[in-house]
């Protein structure tokens, strides 16, 4: 199993979450480091500048699901998957730390806006 941190359309309540519906939800999560989230219809997370910690969800996924996520995200040519540190709240209410995959995209489209809060959507 692999841990994956999601911050956009893969989160619960969003269109691509169907790819994670059979995966184990580990809890709400937050990146250890600061990154910049952009929005241009869909969200993008870039390593620079370091604006804020990104808020999302953490999942345990199997290899097949990880392959499906890679195809959706165009890894490694569009989004690039890298392991980072994550803090998350377990189902027992404990704050835990883990290493997880996050999909970065440094190819920010013209006109994209910075999401100052680091949170995409309503959840």
Protein backbone atom coordinates (compact mmCIF):
# COMPACT_ATOMS: atom_id res chain seq x y z
CA UNK A 1 0.00 0.00 0.00
CA UNK A 2 1.05 3.57 -0.70
CA UNK A 3 -0.08 6.77 1.00
CA UNK A 4 -1.37 9.52 -1.29
CA UNK A 5 -2.21 13.09 -0.26
CA UNK A 6 -4.94 14.64 -2.42
CA UNK A 7 -5.88 18.33 -2.46
CA UNK A 8 -8.24 18.89 -5.40
CA UNK A 9 -10.66 16.99 -7.58
CA UNK A 10 -9.71 13.67 -5.96
CA UNK A 11 -11.08 14.78 -2.56
CA UNK A 12 -14.44 13.55 -1.27
CA UNK A 13 -17.31 15.41 -2.91
CA UNK A 14 -15.37 16.17 -6.11
CA UNK A 15 -15.55 14.64 -9.59
CA UNK A 16 -12.47 12.42 -9.58
CA UNK A 17 -12.98 10.97 -6.11
CA UNK A 18 -14.49 7.89 -7.76
CA UNK A 19 -10.89 6.70 -8.29
CA UNK A 20 -10.43 6.58 -4.49
CA UNK A 21 -13.83 5.24 -3.47
CA UNK A 22 -12.40 1.80 -2.63
CA UNK A 23 -9.28 3.14 -0.91
CA UNK A 24 -8.78 3.60 2.82
CA UNK A 25 -9.39 7.19 3.96
CA UNK A 26 -6.84 7.88 6.69
CA UNK A 27 -8.04 11.37 7.60
CA UNK A 28 -7.89 15.07 6.88
CA UNK A 29 -4.30 16.13 6.24
CA UNK A 30 -1.91 19.05 5.94
CA UNK A 31 1.49 19.28 4.28
CA UNK A 32 4.47 19.71 6.63
CA UNK A 33 6.08 22.24 4.29
CA UNK A 34 4.61 25.34 2.68
CA UNK A 35 3.82 25.28 -1.04
CA UNK A 36 1.69 27.39 -3.37
CA UNK A 37 -1.70 26.25 -4.60
CA UNK A 38 -2.90 27.80 -7.83
CA UNK A 39 -6.32 27.53 -9.38
CA UNK A 40 -7.14 27.65 -13.06
CA UNK A 41 -10.34 25.64 -13.21
CA UNK A 42 -8.50 22.86 -11.37
CA UNK A 43 -5.90 23.19 -8.63
CA UNK A 44 -2.13 22.97 -9.06
CA UNK A 45 0.45 22.80 -6.29
CA UNK A 46 3.90 24.24 -6.91
CA UNK A 47 6.98 24.00 -4.71
CA UNK A 48 7.79 27.70 -5.05
CA UNK A 49 7.06 30.14 -3.69
CA UNK A 50 6.29 28.76 -0.23
CA UNK A 51 2.93 30.44 0.47
CA UNK A 52 1.06 28.15 2.88
CA UNK A 53 0.62 24.58 4.03
CA UNK A 54 -1.78 22.75 1.71
CA UNK A 55 -4.92 21.17 3.18
CA UNK A 56 -6.29 17.90 1.80
CA UNK A 57 -6.99 14.25 2.54
CA UNK A 58 -4.76 11.23 3.05
CA UNK A 59 -5.48 7.78 1.57
CA UNK A 60 -3.89 4.35 1.53
CA UNK A 61 -4.03 3.09 -2.05
CA UNK A 62 -2.99 -0.12 -3.77
CA UNK A 63 -0.62 -0.22 -6.76
CA UNK A 64 -3.47 -0.43 -9.29
CA UNK A 65 -5.14 2.68 -7.86
CA UNK A 66 -1.80 4.50 -7.82
CA UNK A 67 -1.37 3.62 -11.51
CA UNK A 68 -4.86 5.00 -12.25
CA UNK A 69 -4.02 8.20 -10.37
CA UNK A 70 -0.76 8.52 -12.33
CA UNK A 71 -2.71 8.21 -15.60
CA UNK A 72 -5.27 10.83 -14.49
CA UNK A 73 -2.55 13.26 -13.43
CA UNK A 74 -0.33 12.64 -16.47
CA UNK A 75 2.59 11.63 -14.25
CA UNK A 76 5.42 12.32 -14.91
CA UNK A 77 4.90 14.73 -17.83
CA UNK A 78 2.07 16.97 -16.54
CA UNK A 79 1.88 16.46 -12.78
CA UNK A 80 4.93 14.95 -11.08
CA UNK A 81 4.40 12.67 -8.09
CA UNK A 82 6.83 13.17 -5.19
CA UNK A 83 6.92 12.01 -1.57
CA UNK A 84 6.57 14.66 1.13
CA UNK A 85 5.81 14.87 4.85
CA UNK A 86 2.16 15.04 5.90
CA UNK A 87 0.38 15.59 9.23
CA UNK A 88 -3.04 13.96 9.48
CA UNK A 89 -5.77 13.28 12.02
CA UNK A 90 -6.38 9.55 12.47
CA UNK A 91 -9.83 8.05 12.97
CA UNK A 92 -8.94 7.95 16.70
CA UNK A 93 -8.41 11.72 16.69
CA UNK A 94 -4.64 11.48 17.00
CA UNK A 95 -2.32 13.76 15.03
CA UNK A 96 0.11 11.58 13.11
CA UNK A 97 2.90 12.16 10.64
CA UNK A 98 3.49 10.18 7.45
CA UNK A 99 5.30 10.26 4.14
CA UNK A 100 2.87 10.44 1.24
CA UNK A 101 2.82 11.03 -2.51
CA UNK A 102 1.66 14.45 -3.70
CA UNK A 103 1.18 15.48 -7.34
CA UNK A 104 3.06 18.72 -8.08
CA UNK A 105 2.71 20.78 -11.24
CA UNK A 106 5.22 23.48 -12.04
CA UNK A 107 3.57 24.30 -15.40
CA UNK A 108 1.18 26.92 -14.05
CA UNK A 109 -1.17 28.24 -16.76
CA UNK A 110 -1.30 31.95 -17.53
CA UNK A 111 -4.10 33.58 -15.54
CA UNK A 112 -3.98 31.06 -12.68
CA UNK A 113 -4.71 32.58 -9.28
CA UNK A 114 -3.08 31.75 -5.96
CA UNK A 115 -5.30 30.04 -3.38
CA UNK A 116 -4.02 31.80 -0.25
CA UNK A 117 -5.75 29.39 2.15
CA UNK A 118 -4.24 26.26 0.60
CA UNK A 119 -7.71 24.72 0.47
CA UNK A 120 -9.53 23.73 -2.74
CA UNK A 121 -13.33 23.54 -2.79
CA UNK A 122 -15.71 23.26 0.12
CA UNK A 123 -14.12 20.32 1.89
